[in-house]
Amino acid sequence: MSRTSLHAGMIRSFRSRALSAFWEKGDASKIRADHVARIRIRLARLNVVKQPEEMNVPGFNFHKLHGKPQRYAVSISGPWRITFGWDGTDAVLVDYEQYH
């Protein structure tokens, strides 16, 4: 996806190959079928926000994770999350993981 404005945020990099293939090619084969719609919504928002706190919307269960560098998470379903770091106005190292 290309940046539409010099000041808009975007997803710059992925840690998860499954998410990268889904976002860049529409390939959902490595993502649970019941997660596809929720992941699509969260990635679309993540691609346009300018700061991580803008992911704090009802239903996303946005929260900061412990550790350095700072990472953030939004819920998909049960223990599944999309986690990400932040650099400037861009999401980086976006991951799809089960961490509980």
C-alpha atoms as a PDB file:
ATOM      1  CA  MET A   1       0.000   0.000   0.000  1.00  0.00           C
ATOM      2  CA  SER A   2       1.290   3.433  -0.796  1.00  0.00           C
ATOM      3  CA  ARG A   3       1.260   6.501   1.361  1.00  0.00           C
ATOM      4  CA  THR A   4      -1.367   9.031   0.259  1.00  0.00           C
ATOM      5  CA  SER A   5       0.049  11.971   2.203  1.00  0.00           C
ATOM      6  CA  LEU A   6       3.440  12.808   3.619  1.00  0.00           C
ATOM      7  CA  HIS A   7       1.791  13.130   7.037  1.00  0.00           C
ATOM      8  CA  ALA A   8      -0.340   9.971   7.050  1.00  0.00           C
ATOM      9  CA  GLY A   9       0.699   6.925   9.029  1.00  0.00           C
ATOM     10  CA  MET A  10       1.100   3.531   7.467  1.00  0.00           C
ATOM     11  CA  ILE A  11       2.177  -0.020   8.112  1.00  0.00           C
ATOM     12  CA  ARG A  12       5.880  -0.021   7.277  1.00  0.00           C
ATOM     13  CA  SER A  13       6.891  -3.587   8.165  1.00  0.00           C
ATOM     14  CA  PHE A  14       5.620  -6.956   9.333  1.00  0.00           C
ATOM     15  CA  ARG A  15       7.077  -9.511  11.709  1.00  0.00           C
ATOM     16  CA  SER A  16       4.409 -12.051  10.668  1.00  0.00           C
ATOM     17  CA  ARG A  17       4.733 -13.533   7.180  1.00  0.00           C
ATOM     18  CA  ALA A  18       1.060 -14.544   7.343  1.00  0.00           C
ATOM     19  CA  LEU A  19      -0.047 -10.937   7.936  1.00  0.00           C
ATOM     20  CA  SER A  20       2.319  -9.615   5.293  1.00  0.00           C
ATOM     21  CA  ALA A  21       0.927 -12.022   2.676  1.00  0.00           C
ATOM     22  CA  PHE A  22      -2.627 -11.147   3.688  1.00  0.00           C
ATOM     23  CA  TRP A  23      -2.071  -7.376   3.602  1.00  0.00           C
ATOM     24  CA  GLU A  24       0.075  -7.206   0.487  1.00  0.00           C
ATOM     25  CA  LYS A  25      -1.413 -10.031  -1.638  1.00  0.00           C
ATOM     26  CA  GLY A  26      -4.802 -10.828  -0.110  1.00  0.00           C
ATOM     27  CA  ASP A  27      -3.541 -14.339   0.772  1.00  0.00           C
ATOM     28  CA  ALA A  28      -5.422 -15.438   3.914  1.00  0.00           C
ATOM     29  CA  SER A  29      -4.310 -19.091   3.725  1.00  0.00           C
ATOM     30  CA  LYS A  30      -2.134 -18.840   6.865  1.00  0.00           C
ATOM     31  CA  ILE A  31      -4.725 -16.949   8.924  1.00  0.00           C
ATOM     32  CA  ARG A  32      -7.600 -18.563  10.791  1.00  0.00           C
ATOM     33  CA  ALA A  33     -10.735 -18.104   8.690  1.00  0.00           C
ATOM     34  CA  ASP A  34     -12.715 -16.808  11.671  1.00  0.00           C
ATOM     35  CA  HIS A  35     -10.105 -14.058  12.185  1.00  0.00           C
ATOM     36  CA  VAL A  36      -9.915 -12.695   8.624  1.00  0.00           C
ATOM     37  CA  ALA A  37     -12.619 -10.008   8.894  1.00  0.00           C
ATOM     38  CA  ARG A  38     -11.368  -8.688  12.249  1.00  0.00           C
ATOM     39  CA  ILE A  39      -7.765  -8.650  11.058  1.00  0.00           C
ATOM     40  CA  ARG A  40      -8.749  -6.768   7.893  1.00  0.00           C
ATOM     41  CA  ILE A  41     -10.517  -4.067   9.956  1.00  0.00           C
ATOM     42  CA  ARG A  42      -7.637  -3.665  12.398  1.00  0.00           C
ATOM     43  CA  LEU A  43      -4.942  -3.549   9.712  1.00  0.00           C
ATOM     44  CA  ALA A  44      -6.927  -0.991   7.709  1.00  0.00           C
ATOM     45  CA  ARG A  45      -7.109   1.284  10.740  1.00  0.00           C
ATOM     46  CA  LEU A  46      -3.479   0.649  11.686  1.00  0.00           C
ATOM     47  CA  ASN A  47      -2.485   1.704   8.176  1.00  0.00           C
ATOM     48  CA  VAL A  48      -3.977   5.213   8.571  1.00  0.00           C
ATOM     49  CA  VAL A  49      -3.490   6.214  12.212  1.00  0.00           C
ATOM     50  CA  LYS A  50      -0.698   8.627  13.097  1.00  0.00           C
ATOM     51  CA  GLN A  51      -0.103   7.453  16.663  1.00  0.00           C
ATOM     52  CA  PRO A  52      -0.698   4.148  18.434  1.00  0.00           C
ATOM     53  CA  GLU A  53      -3.343   5.536  20.801  1.00  0.00           C
ATOM     54  CA  GLU A  54      -5.650   6.049  17.809  1.00  0.00           C
ATOM     55  CA  MET A  55      -6.103   2.253  17.860  1.00  0.00           C
ATOM     56  CA  ASN A  56      -7.941   2.664  21.175  1.00  0.00           C
ATOM     57  CA  VAL A  57     -11.474   2.185  19.833  1.00  0.00           C
ATOM     58  CA  PRO A  58     -14.338   0.055  21.200  1.00  0.00           C
ATOM     59  CA  GLY A  59     -13.851  -3.649  20.567  1.00  0.00           C
ATOM     60  CA  PHE A  60     -10.116  -3.480  19.836  1.00  0.00           C
ATOM     61  CA  ASN A  61      -8.987  -3.806  23.490  1.00  0.00           C
ATOM     62  CA  PHE A  62      -5.924  -1.674  22.724  1.00  0.00           C
ATOM     63  CA  HIS A  63      -3.143  -1.842  25.312  1.00  0.00           C
ATOM     64  CA  LYS A  64       0.571  -1.241  25.785  1.00  0.00           C
ATOM     65  CA  LEU A  65       2.771  -4.248  26.315  1.00  0.00           C
ATOM     66  CA  HIS A  66       5.594  -4.420  28.854  1.00  0.00           C
ATOM     67  CA  GLY A  67       9.175  -4.269  27.678  1.00  0.00           C
ATOM     68  CA  LYS A  68      11.520  -2.330  25.485  1.00  0.00           C
ATOM     69  CA  PRO A  69      11.150  -1.267  22.788  1.00  0.00           C
ATOM     70  CA  GLN A  70       7.531  -0.281  23.431  1.00  0.00           C
ATOM     71  CA  ARG A  71       4.953  -2.475  21.665  1.00  0.00           C
ATOM     72  CA  TYR A  72       1.174  -2.361  21.553  1.00  0.00           C
ATOM     73  CA  ALA A  73      -1.615  -4.889  21.044  1.00  0.00           C
ATOM     74  CA  VAL A  74      -5.193  -5.075  19.811  1.00  0.00           C
ATOM     75  CA  SER A  75      -7.453  -8.100  20.247  1.00  0.00           C
ATOM     76  CA  ILE A  76      -8.587 -10.397  17.483  1.00  0.00           C
ATOM     77  CA  SER A  77     -10.330 -13.206  19.386  1.00  0.00           C
ATOM     78  CA  GLY A  78      -9.593 -14.986  22.652  1.00  0.00           C
ATOM     79  CA  PRO A  79      -5.803 -14.966  23.172  1.00  0.00           C
ATOM     80  CA  TRP A  80      -5.067 -13.868  19.579  1.00  0.00           C
ATOM     81  CA  ARG A  81      -3.678 -10.358  19.093  1.00  0.00           C
ATOM     82  CA  ILE A  82      -2.126  -8.115  16.521  1.00  0.00           C
ATOM     83  CA  THR A  83       0.959  -6.606  18.119  1.00  0.00           C
ATOM     84  CA  PHE A  84       3.051  -3.778  16.732  1.00  0.00           C
ATOM     85  CA  GLY A  85       5.793  -1.294  17.396  1.00  0.00           C
ATOM     86  CA  TRP A  86       5.805   2.349  16.427  1.00  0.00           C
ATOM     87  CA  ASP A  87       8.310   4.576  14.608  1.00  0.00           C
ATOM     88  CA  GLY A  88       7.398   8.199  13.880  1.00  0.00           C
ATOM     89  CA  THR A  89       3.909   7.965  12.366  1.00  0.00           C
ATOM     90  CA  ASP A  90       4.249   4.354  11.176  1.00  0.00           C
ATOM     91  CA  ALA A  91       3.423   0.919  12.571  1.00  0.00           C
ATOM     92  CA  VAL A  92       6.416  -1.436  12.420  1.00  0.00           C
ATOM     93  CA  LEU A  93       7.024  -5.134  13.038  1.00  0.00           C
ATOM     94  CA  VAL A  94       3.313  -5.928  12.943  1.00  0.00           C
ATOM     95  CA  ASP A  95       2.659  -9.448  14.233  1.00  0.00           C
ATOM     96  CA  TYR A  96      -0.223 -11.940  14.593  1.00  0.00           C
ATOM     97  CA  GLU A  97       0.242 -13.931  17.744  1.00  0.00           C
ATOM     98  CA  GLN A  98      -1.327 -15.849  20.580  1.00  0.00           C
ATOM     99  CA  TYR A  99       0.339 -14.677  23.755  1.00  0.00           C
ATOM    100  CA  HIS A 100      -1.726 -15.756  26.772  1.00  0.00           C
END
